[in-house]
Each structure stands twice: as structure tokens, then as C-alpha cells.
C-alpha atoms as a PDB file:
ATOM      1  CA  MET A   1     -11.995  15.168  16.568  1.00  0.00           C
ATOM      2  CA  LEU A   2     -12.177  11.482  15.554  1.00  0.00           C
ATOM      3  CA  LYS A   3     -10.035   9.509  13.144  1.00  0.00           C
ATOM      4  CA  ILE A   4     -10.712   5.847  12.342  1.00  0.00           C
ATOM      5  CA  THR A   5      -8.142   4.154  10.141  1.00  0.00           C
ATOM      6  CA  ASP A   6      -8.307   0.777   8.341  1.00  0.00           C
ATOM      7  CA  LEU A   7     -10.705  -0.795  10.863  1.00  0.00           C
ATOM      8  CA  TYR A   8     -11.392  -4.545  10.591  1.00  0.00           C
ATOM      9  CA  LYS A   9     -13.557  -6.739  12.799  1.00  0.00           C
ATOM     10  CA  THR A  10     -14.605 -10.386  12.520  1.00  0.00           C
ATOM     11  CA  PHE A  11     -16.874 -12.078  15.039  1.00  0.00           C
ATOM     12  CA  ASN A  12     -16.585 -15.817  15.841  1.00  0.00           C
ATOM     13  CA  PRO A  13     -13.492 -16.321  13.660  1.00  0.00           C
ATOM     14  CA  GLY A  14     -12.723 -19.898  12.644  1.00  0.00           C
ATOM     15  CA  THR A  15     -16.264 -21.125  13.337  1.00  0.00           C
ATOM     16  CA  VAL A  16     -19.345 -21.780  11.214  1.00  0.00           C
ATOM     17  CA  ASN A  17     -20.731 -18.510  12.573  1.00  0.00           C
ATOM     18  CA  GLU A  18     -17.776 -16.417  11.389  1.00  0.00           C
ATOM     19  CA  LYS A  19     -18.888 -12.983  10.247  1.00  0.00           C
ATOM     20  CA  GLN A  20     -16.620 -10.228   8.963  1.00  0.00           C
ATOM     21  CA  VAL A  21     -18.471  -7.071  10.007  1.00  0.00           C
ATOM     22  CA  LEU A  22     -15.956  -4.323   9.199  1.00  0.00           C
ATOM     23  CA  LYS A  23     -13.650  -4.416   6.188  1.00  0.00           C
ATOM     24  CA  GLY A  24     -11.097  -1.620   6.298  1.00  0.00           C
ATOM     25  CA  VAL A  25     -13.247   1.332   7.393  1.00  0.00           C
ATOM     26  CA  ASP A  26     -11.700   4.823   7.249  1.00  0.00           C
ATOM     27  CA  LEU A  27     -13.607   7.718   8.792  1.00  0.00           C
ATOM     28  CA  GLU A  28     -12.762  11.203  10.051  1.00  0.00           C
ATOM     29  CA  LEU A  29     -15.044  13.541  12.011  1.00  0.00           C
ATOM     30  CA  LYS A  30     -14.289  17.219  12.412  1.00  0.00           C
ATOM     31  CA  ASP A  31     -15.089  19.206  15.545  1.00  0.00           C
ATOM     32  CA  LYS A  32     -18.865  19.921  15.778  1.00  0.00           C
ATOM     33  CA  ASP A  33     -19.718  17.458  12.983  1.00  0.00           C
ATOM     34  CA  PHE A  34     -23.153  15.856  13.325  1.00  0.00           C
ATOM     35  CA  VAL A  35     -22.903  12.738  11.167  1.00  0.00           C
ATOM     36  CA  THR A  36     -25.778  10.366  10.441  1.00  0.00           C
ATOM     37  CA  VAL A  37     -24.961   6.761   9.498  1.00  0.00           C
ATOM     38  CA  ILE A  38     -27.436   4.794   7.379  1.00  0.00           C
ATOM     39  CA  GLY A  39     -27.296   1.201   6.175  1.00  0.00           C
ATOM     40  CA  GLY A  40     -29.007  -2.166   6.187  1.00  0.00           C
ATOM     41  CA  ASN A  41     -28.875  -4.918   8.768  1.00  0.00           C
ATOM     42  CA  GLY A  42     -25.334  -6.221   9.215  1.00  0.00           C
ATOM     43  CA  ALA A  43     -23.765  -3.246   7.432  1.00  0.00           C
ATOM     44  CA  GLY A  44     -21.491  -2.527  10.411  1.00  0.00           C
ATOM     45  CA  LYS A  45     -23.131   0.655  11.732  1.00  0.00           C
ATOM     46  CA  SER A  46     -23.556  -0.321  15.388  1.00  0.00           C
ATOM     47  CA  THR A  47     -20.247  -2.204  15.366  1.00  0.00           C
ATOM     48  CA  ILE A  48     -18.413   1.048  14.615  1.00  0.00           C
ATOM     49  CA  LEU A  49     -20.131   2.714  17.579  1.00  0.00           C
ATOM     50  CA  ASN A  50     -19.244  -0.244  19.795  1.00  0.00           C
ATOM     51  CA  MET A  51     -15.613  -0.004  18.661  1.00  0.00           C
ATOM     52  CA  ILE A  52     -15.491   3.705  19.489  1.00  0.00           C
ATOM     53  CA  ALA A  53     -17.117   3.064  22.874  1.00  0.00           C
ATOM     54  CA  GLY A  54     -14.731   0.204  23.677  1.00  0.00           C
ATOM     55  CA  VAL A  55     -17.328  -2.577  23.807  1.00  0.00           C
ATOM     56  CA  HIS A  56     -15.279  -4.468  21.190  1.00  0.00           C
ATOM     57  CA  TYR A  57     -11.665  -4.139  20.093  1.00  0.00           C
ATOM     58  CA  PRO A  58     -10.769  -4.246  16.393  1.00  0.00           C
ATOM     59  CA  ASP A  59      -8.758  -7.011  14.774  1.00  0.00           C
ATOM     60  CA  LYS A  60      -6.815  -4.366  12.905  1.00  0.00           C
ATOM     61  CA  GLY A  61      -6.791  -0.579  12.614  1.00  0.00           C
ATOM     62  CA  SER A  62      -6.821   2.397  14.970  1.00  0.00           C
ATOM     63  CA  ILE A  63      -9.247   4.831  16.627  1.00  0.00           C
ATOM     64  CA  VAL A  64      -7.893   8.240  17.617  1.00  0.00           C
ATOM     65  CA  LEU A  65     -10.040  10.681  19.593  1.00  0.00           C
ATOM     66  CA  GLU A  66      -8.699  14.232  19.714  1.00  0.00           C
ATOM     67  CA  ASP A  67      -5.084  13.073  19.178  1.00  0.00           C
ATOM     68  CA  GLU A  68      -5.351  10.272  21.778  1.00  0.00           C
ATOM     69  CA  ASP A  69      -5.180   6.671  20.565  1.00  0.00           C
ATOM     70  CA  ILE A  70      -8.092   4.932  22.325  1.00  0.00           C
ATOM     71  CA  THR A  71      -8.102   1.760  20.178  1.00  0.00           C
ATOM     72  CA  TYR A  72      -7.379  -0.600  23.060  1.00  0.00           C
ATOM     73  CA  ILE A  73      -8.282   1.557  26.066  1.00  0.00           C
ATOM     74  CA  PRO A  74     -10.885  -0.250  28.241  1.00  0.00           C
ATOM     75  CA  GLU A  75     -14.500   0.849  27.915  1.00  0.00           C
ATOM     76  CA  TYR A  76     -14.728   2.277  31.452  1.00  0.00           C
ATOM     77  CA  LYS A  77     -11.655   4.471  30.934  1.00  0.00           C
ATOM     78  CA  ARG A  78     -12.868   6.067  27.707  1.00  0.00           C
ATOM     79  CA  ALA A  79     -16.407   6.593  29.091  1.00  0.00           C
ATOM     80  CA  LYS A  80     -15.404  10.005  30.461  1.00  0.00           C
ATOM     81  CA  TYR A  81     -14.785  11.216  26.899  1.00  0.00           C
ATOM     82  CA  LEU A  82     -18.001   9.839  25.417  1.00  0.00           C
ATOM     83  CA  GLY A  83     -21.750  10.166  25.782  1.00  0.00           C
ATOM     84  CA  ARG A  84     -23.986   7.396  24.483  1.00  0.00           C
ATOM     85  CA  VAL A  85     -27.712   6.822  24.024  1.00  0.00           C
ATOM     86  CA  PHE A  86     -28.890   3.292  23.206  1.00  0.00           C
ATOM     87  CA  GLN A  87     -31.873   2.000  21.238  1.00  0.00           C
ATOM     88  CA  ASP A  88     -33.508   0.640  24.397  1.00  0.00           C
ATOM     89  CA  PRO A  89     -34.743   3.511  26.635  1.00  0.00           C
ATOM     90  CA  MET A  90     -34.183   1.265  29.669  1.00  0.00           C
ATOM     91  CA  MET A  91     -30.414   0.991  29.151  1.00  0.00           C
ATOM     92  CA  GLY A  92     -29.255   4.536  29.847  1.00  0.00           C
ATOM     93  CA  THR A  93     -30.847   5.053  33.256  1.00  0.00           C
ATOM     94  CA  ALA A  94     -31.301   3.300  36.615  1.00  0.00           C
ATOM     95  CA  SER A  95     -35.021   2.468  37.104  1.00  0.00           C
ATOM     96  CA  ASN A  96     -35.015   2.327  40.898  1.00  0.00           C
ATOM     97  CA  MET A  97     -33.247   5.644  41.329  1.00  0.00           C
ATOM     98  CA  ALA A  98     -34.805   9.110  41.236  1.00  0.00           C
ATOM     99  CA  ILE A  99     -34.396  11.510  38.315  1.00  0.00           C
ATOM    100  CA  GLU A 100     -32.041  13.688  40.360  1.00  0.00           C
ATOM    101  CA  GLU A 101     -29.942  10.666  41.374  1.00  0.00           C
ATOM    102  CA  ASN A 102     -29.557   9.571  37.749  1.00  0.00           C
ATOM    103  CA  LEU A 103     -28.522  13.094  36.790  1.00  0.00           C
ATOM    104  CA  ALA A 104     -26.022  13.173  39.662  1.00  0.00           C
ATOM    105  CA  LEU A 105     -24.378   9.977  38.384  1.00  0.00           C
ATOM    106  CA  ALA A 106     -24.021  11.538  34.933  1.00  0.00           C
ATOM    107  CA  TYR A 107     -22.884  14.913  36.269  1.00  0.00           C
ATOM    108  CA  ARG A 108     -20.109  13.363  38.365  1.00  0.00           C
ATOM    109  CA  ARG A 109     -18.886  10.916  35.737  1.00  0.00           C
ATOM    110  CA  GLY A 110     -15.101  10.776  35.824  1.00  0.00           C
ATOM    111  CA  ASP A 111     -14.839  12.575  39.185  1.00  0.00           C
ATOM    112  CA  ARG A 112     -13.374  11.073  42.332  1.00  0.00           C
ATOM    113  CA  ARG A 113     -15.986   9.704  44.755  1.00  0.00           C
ATOM    114  CA  GLY A 114     -16.143  10.730  48.402  1.00  0.00           C
ATOM    115  CA  PHE A 115     -18.450  10.754  51.420  1.00  0.00           C
ATOM    116  CA  ALA A 116     -19.890  14.231  50.988  1.00  0.00           C
ATOM    117  CA  TRP A 117     -23.652  14.878  51.154  1.00  0.00           C
ATOM    118  CA  GLY A 118     -25.471  13.288  48.197  1.00  0.00           C
ATOM    119  CA  ILE A 119     -26.821  16.094  46.025  1.00  0.00           C
ATOM    120  CA  THR A 120     -26.090  19.728  46.792  1.00  0.00           C
ATOM    121  CA  LYS A 121     -28.513  22.619  46.377  1.00  0.00           C
ATOM    122  CA  GLU A 122     -26.346  24.031  43.590  1.00  0.00           C
ATOM    123  CA  GLU A 123     -26.485  20.726  41.718  1.00  0.00           C
ATOM    124  CA  LYS A 124     -30.278  20.599  42.003  1.00  0.00           C
ATOM    125  CA  GLU A 125     -30.509  24.054  40.468  1.00  0.00           C
ATOM    126  CA  ILE A 126     -28.401  22.870  37.522  1.00  0.00           C
ATOM    127  CA  TYR A 127     -30.607  19.795  37.063  1.00  0.00           C
ATOM    128  CA  VAL A 128     -33.807  21.858  37.175  1.00  0.00           C
ATOM    129  CA  ASP A 129     -32.479  24.272  34.533  1.00  0.00           C
ATOM    130  CA  LYS A 130     -31.417  21.422  32.256  1.00  0.00           C
ATOM    131  CA  LEU A 131     -34.709  19.544  32.662  1.00  0.00           C
ATOM    132  CA  LYS A 132     -36.659  22.684  31.774  1.00  0.00           C
ATOM    133  CA  GLU A 133     -34.954  22.608  28.364  1.00  0.00           C
ATOM    134  CA  LEU A 134     -36.606  19.241  27.666  1.00  0.00           C
ATOM    135  CA  ASP A 135     -40.065  20.834  28.103  1.00  0.00           C
ATOM    136  CA  LEU A 136     -41.498  17.622  29.559  1.00  0.00           C
ATOM    137  CA  GLY A 137     -42.344  18.836  33.064  1.00  0.00           C
ATOM    138  CA  LEU A 138     -39.616  16.689  34.618  1.00  0.00           C
ATOM    139  CA  GLU A 139     -38.095  19.653  36.478  1.00  0.00           C
ATOM    140  CA  ASP A 140     -40.959  19.341  38.988  1.00  0.00           C
ATOM    141  CA  ARG A 141     -40.408  15.603  39.470  1.00  0.00           C
ATOM    142  CA  LEU A 142     -36.805  15.387  40.657  1.00  0.00           C
ATOM    143  CA  THR A 143     -37.557  12.708  43.254  1.00  0.00           C
ATOM    144  CA  THR A 144     -39.674  10.543  40.920  1.00  0.00           C
ATOM    145  CA  LYS A 145     -38.280   7.081  40.204  1.00  0.00           C
ATOM    146  CA  VAL A 146     -37.108   6.889  36.583  1.00  0.00           C
ATOM    147  CA  GLY A 147     -38.908   3.557  36.161  1.00  0.00           C
ATOM    148  CA  LEU A 148     -42.222   5.444  36.347  1.00  0.00           C
ATOM    149  CA  LEU A 149     -41.437   7.568  33.271  1.00  0.00           C
ATOM    150  CA  SER A 150     -42.655   6.830  29.750  1.00  0.00           C
ATOM    151  CA  GLY A 151     -40.214   5.524  27.140  1.00  0.00           C
ATOM    152  CA  GLY A 152     -39.958   8.931  25.496  1.00  0.00           C
ATOM    153  CA  GLN A 153     -39.388  10.757  28.779  1.00  0.00           C
ATOM    154  CA  ARG A 154     -36.763   8.226  29.762  1.00  0.00           C
ATOM    155  CA  GLN A 155     -34.944   8.490  26.439  1.00  0.00           C
ATOM    156  CA  ALA A 156     -34.992  12.293  26.646  1.00  0.00           C
ATOM    157  CA  LEU A 157     -33.519  12.047  30.146  1.00  0.00           C
ATOM    158  CA  THR A 158     -30.843   9.626  28.900  1.00  0.00           C
ATOM    159  CA  LEU A 159     -29.981  12.087  26.134  1.00  0.00           C
ATOM    160  CA  LEU A 160     -29.646  14.899  28.674  1.00  0.00           C
ATOM    161  CA  MET A 161     -27.446  12.721  30.895  1.00  0.00           C
ATOM    162  CA  ALA A 162     -25.206  11.749  27.969  1.00  0.00           C
ATOM    163  CA  ALA A 163     -24.568  15.412  27.128  1.00  0.00           C
ATOM    164  CA  LEU A 164     -24.441  16.788  30.677  1.00  0.00           C
ATOM    165  CA  ARG A 165     -20.634  16.822  30.883  1.00  0.00           C
ATOM    166  CA  LYS A 166     -20.198  17.917  27.251  1.00  0.00           C
ATOM    167  CA  PRO A 167     -18.470  14.763  25.949  1.00  0.00           C
ATOM    168  CA  LYS A 168     -15.908  14.945  23.190  1.00  0.00           C
ATOM    169  CA  LEU A 169     -18.175  12.677  21.142  1.00  0.00           C
ATOM    170  CA  LEU A 170     -21.874  11.837  21.464  1.00  0.00           C
ATOM    171  CA  LEU A 171     -22.929   8.418  20.131  1.00  0.00           C
ATOM    172  CA  LEU A 172     -26.598   7.907  19.242  1.00  0.00           C
ATOM    173  CA  ASP A 173     -27.302   4.260  18.429  1.00  0.00           C
ATOM    174  CA  GLU A 174     -30.763   4.121  16.807  1.00  0.00           C
ATOM    175  CA  HIS A 175     -31.972   5.930  19.907  1.00  0.00           C
ATOM    176  CA  THR A 176     -35.507   6.551  18.586  1.00  0.00           C
ATOM    177  CA  ALA A 177     -36.147   3.118  17.026  1.00  0.00           C
ATOM    178  CA  ALA A 178     -38.136   1.840  20.027  1.00  0.00           C
ATOM    179  CA  LEU A 179     -40.369   4.935  20.253  1.00  0.00           C
ATOM    180  CA  ASP A 180     -43.640   5.734  18.523  1.00  0.00           C
ATOM    181  CA  PRO A 181     -43.284   8.139  15.543  1.00  0.00           C
ATOM    182  CA  LYS A 182     -44.521  11.251  17.384  1.00  0.00           C
ATOM    183  CA  THR A 183     -42.254  10.669  20.394  1.00  0.00           C
ATOM    184  CA  ALA A 184     -39.343   9.731  18.132  1.00  0.00           C
ATOM    185  CA  GLU A 185     -39.662  13.037  16.294  1.00  0.00           C
ATOM    186  CA  LYS A 186     -39.622  14.973  19.581  1.00  0.00           C
ATOM    187  CA  VAL A 187     -36.521  13.111  20.812  1.00  0.00           C
ATOM    188  CA  LEU A 188     -34.755  13.719  17.488  1.00  0.00           C
ATOM    189  CA  LYS A 189     -35.464  17.447  17.697  1.00  0.00           C
ATOM    190  CA  LEU A 190     -34.201  17.444  21.283  1.00  0.00           C
ATOM    191  CA  SER A 191     -31.064  15.651  20.099  1.00  0.00           C
ATOM    192  CA  GLU A 192     -30.448  18.291  17.439  1.00  0.00           C
ATOM    193  CA  GLN A 193     -31.034  21.085  19.953  1.00  0.00           C
ATOM    194  CA  ILE A 194     -28.700  19.609  22.592  1.00  0.00           C
ATOM    195  CA  ILE A 195     -25.964  18.952  20.018  1.00  0.00           C
ATOM    196  CA  SER A 196     -26.253  22.505  18.683  1.00  0.00           C
ATOM    197  CA  ASP A 197     -26.541  24.273  22.059  1.00  0.00           C
ATOM    198  CA  ASN A 198     -23.526  22.426  23.482  1.00  0.00           C
ATOM    199  CA  ALA A 199     -21.451  22.519  20.242  1.00  0.00           C
ATOM    200  CA  LEU A 200     -21.019  18.729  20.388  1.00  0.00           C
ATOM    201  CA  THR A 201     -19.552  16.343  17.842  1.00  0.00           C
ATOM    202  CA  ALA A 202     -22.071  13.544  17.237  1.00  0.00           C
ATOM    203  CA  LEU A 203     -22.428  10.260  15.366  1.00  0.00           C
ATOM    204  CA  MET A 204     -26.013   9.011  14.913  1.00  0.00           C
ATOM    205  CA  VAL A 205     -26.837   5.545  13.577  1.00  0.00           C
ATOM    206  CA  THR A 206     -30.291   5.148  12.063  1.00  0.00           C
ATOM    207  CA  HIS A 207     -32.308   2.877   9.761  1.00  0.00           C
ATOM    208  CA  ASN A 208     -34.573   5.760   8.799  1.00  0.00           C
ATOM    209  CA  MET A 209     -33.430   7.372   5.571  1.00  0.00           C
ATOM    210  CA  LYS A 210     -35.662  10.428   6.007  1.00  0.00           C
ATOM    211  CA  ASN A 211     -34.124  11.149   9.422  1.00  0.00           C
ATOM    212  CA  ALA A 212     -30.618  10.549   8.082  1.00  0.00           C
ATOM    213  CA  ILE A 213     -31.223  13.203   5.450  1.00  0.00           C
ATOM    214  CA  GLN A 214     -33.052  15.673   7.704  1.00  0.00           C
ATOM    215  CA  TYR A 215     -30.577  15.742  10.597  1.00  0.00           C
ATOM    216  CA  GLY A 216     -26.873  16.501  10.741  1.00  0.00           C
ATOM    217  CA  ASN A 217     -24.450  18.176   8.380  1.00  0.00           C
ATOM    218  CA  ARG A 218     -23.098  14.962   6.885  1.00  0.00           C
ATOM    219  CA  LEU A 219     -24.459  11.539   5.879  1.00  0.00           C
ATOM    220  CA  ILE A 220     -22.600   8.243   5.556  1.00  0.00           C
ATOM    221  CA  MET A 221     -24.041   5.086   4.010  1.00  0.00           C
ATOM    222  CA  MET A 222     -22.609   1.669   4.877  1.00  0.00           C
ATOM    223  CA  TYR A 223     -22.972  -1.660   3.115  1.00  0.00           C
ATOM    224  CA  ASP A 224     -21.278  -4.988   3.820  1.00  0.00           C
ATOM    225  CA  GLY A 225     -18.747  -3.589   6.301  1.00  0.00           C
ATOM    226  CA  ARG A 226     -17.664  -0.623   4.206  1.00  0.00           C
ATOM    227  CA  ILE A 227     -18.539   3.043   3.758  1.00  0.00           C
ATOM    228  CA  ILE A 228     -19.978   3.325   0.247  1.00  0.00           C
ATOM    229  CA  TYR A 229     -21.262   6.909   0.289  1.00  0.00           C
ATOM    230  CA  ASP A 230     -20.194  10.055   2.155  1.00  0.00           C
ATOM    231  CA  VAL A 231     -22.042  13.289   1.471  1.00  0.00           C
ATOM    232  CA  SER A 232     -22.212  16.701   3.166  1.00  0.00           C
ATOM    233  CA  GLY A 233     -23.004  20.360   2.590  1.00  0.00           C
ATOM    234  CA  GLU A 234     -25.303  21.431  -0.230  1.00  0.00           C
ATOM    235  CA  GLU A 235     -25.305  17.962  -1.776  1.00  0.00           C
ATOM    236  CA  LYS A 236     -26.707  16.476   1.431  1.00  0.00           C
ATOM    237  CA  ARG A 237     -29.319  19.205   1.791  1.00  0.00           C
ATOM    238  CA  ASN A 238     -30.597  18.398  -1.705  1.00  0.00           C
ATOM    239  CA  LEU A 239     -30.779  14.636  -1.085  1.00  0.00           C
ATOM    240  CA  LYS A 240     -34.051  12.741  -1.400  1.00  0.00           C
ATOM    241  CA  VAL A 241     -34.943   9.286  -0.090  1.00  0.00           C
ATOM    242  CA  ASN A 242     -35.040   7.983  -3.666  1.00  0.00           C
ATOM    243  CA  ASP A 243     -31.427   9.105  -4.137  1.00  0.00           C
ATOM    244  CA  LEU A 244     -30.366   6.922  -1.216  1.00  0.00           C
ATOM    245  CA  LEU A 245     -32.445   3.989  -2.448  1.00  0.00           C
ATOM    246  CA  GLU A 246     -30.856   4.195  -5.883  1.00  0.00           C
ATOM    247  CA  LYS A 247     -27.372   4.402  -4.363  1.00  0.00           C
ATOM    248  CA  PHE A 248     -28.033   1.424  -2.106  1.00  0.00           C
ATOM    249  CA  GLN A 249     -29.553  -0.568  -4.939  1.00  0.00           C
ATOM    250  CA  SER A 250     -26.626   0.080  -7.265  1.00  0.00           C
ATOM    251  CA  VAL A 251     -24.144  -1.201  -4.685  1.00  0.00           C
ATOM    252  CA  SER A 252     -26.175  -4.116  -3.318  1.00  0.00           C
ATOM    253  CA  GLY A 253     -27.353  -5.324  -6.719  1.00  0.00           C
ATOM    254  CA  GLY A 254     -30.952  -4.784  -5.695  1.00  0.00           C
ATOM    255  CA  GLU A 255     -30.812  -7.338  -2.886  1.00  0.00           C
ATOM    256  CA  PHE A 256     -32.503  -5.225  -0.267  1.00  0.00           C
ATOM    257  CA  ALA A 257     -36.218  -5.980  -0.594  1.00  0.00           C
ATOM    258  CA  ASN A 258     -36.417  -7.493   2.893  1.00  0.00           C
ATOM    259  CA  ASP A 259     -34.120  -5.018   4.549  1.00  0.00           C
ATOM    260  CA  ARG A 260     -35.509  -3.157   7.556  1.00  0.00           C
ATOM    261  CA  MET A 261     -34.147   0.078   6.101  1.00  0.00           C
ATOM    262  CA  MET A 262     -36.867  -0.172   3.454  1.00  0.00           C
ATOM    263  CA  LEU A 263     -39.581  -0.210   6.104  1.00  0.00           C
ATOM    264  CA  SER A 264     -38.495   3.181   7.415  1.00  0.00           C
END
């Protein structure tokens, strides 16, 4: 489904702020893979997602999505293939628009625009059915402005919107980091359910080692712009947080005491 080959990226080259973020990353995702990506600050996790989404272009390397080279395709053109949920619940939705209007934007992504009536009765029925799956009571609030929702409700709605057109790849960029623990757990379970029900391929970046182990069929650890650990199957199911800490410590030389990953 996804093949990343020899990916390099340096920000602010030739300046005092030069930072080499990716150093020859190779990664392949199979169809229906749910991969969690763990690593410390500056490891390159979010940069990989931004490269896939087209926010940044690599200095070297290639990104192929289902046999199509998207390495240098503009972000807006590859958006029809991808779904994405950001860390900030405010980023995936339009605050001043109603729930049904936000869903309509997501549902029609990639379609040609015309002057037909806004939202049809058939579309509303689809939105109601999908919202019921979230079990948050939003199916009875179609005309409510999204800005009036809680952070958890808004993130759940963003997740639904990202998966509404069954993207080839769903990108989850620390999408529960801004939520309280109870809400974060609910959104993670919703994520797992939506990925499973829609047979999606997904890549989830997280700082939380417990979540990285609990969710998905494969785990990748990054450090200093490289993938240092790739585990799946029975080995992943038997992983413990201490196993990841020991692996990270052995590679980093123990220099991770102040890393936010430790606080998870």
C-alpha cells in the first residue's frame, strides 16, 4: 500500500538552525496494516507523516502509494487519497459550520463542485448512521456548530470525517495528545473500530508507549531520523513498556531522561 525509500530531509540547510530530521528512512506498509510509530522529540515521526501528506517534500528518496509515485505531488492533489487527524482538535473541522456541513465537506472531497442543493436527504441519512457509531449523541445535533463541541467530540468527528471516503491511508498524528486520559482512551478505541470496520491502512504517531503497544498490528520505533526497531505479530503482542525503554536506552546511550516519551 505504501513504500518509502531512502527518505532524507533537512530543515534550514546552510544556516545555524540546520537540522537533519530524516536520514535514509525505508518503510513499507501492507494493505490493512495499522502501524504505530513511537519515538522521542525530534526523532522524525511527524516529519514522515508530513512527507506522506505533502506538507514537505524530501531532499532525497521516494514515496509510492499503491503503485503511484506521490513524492512531489502537491498536498491538495494527494488529499483525496489520504485521511488525516491532527493533534489539535481544532484543526480538522470548521468551527463556524454545522456538524452536517463539516461532514458534507468530507463526504464530497475530491468530487466536482456544482450549484445543486446543499445537503440532500440521502446524505443526511448517511451522516446520522455514521454519527450513531460514535455513540456521542451527535446524530441528534446535525445543525449544531462544531465550535460548541468538546475537544473529544470534535476529535471524534474529525476522525469520522477523515475515514468517511475510505482513504487509501489514514494518518493519525498524536491525535489524542491534547485530550484528557479518559477521552483519549475513547478516541483511541473509536480509531481502532473505524480502522477495522472500514479495512483501512493506518499510520499512528504517538509518544505513549503503552498505546503504541496496545493498538495496531505493528510497531516502529524511531530515533535520530532513523527507524531503529520494527516489530509485529506475536513479538509485538508480547511487548512490555520496559522492553521499549531498554531498546530506546540501548540506542540513545541513556540520553532520554528529559524526553516527553518518558512522561507517557
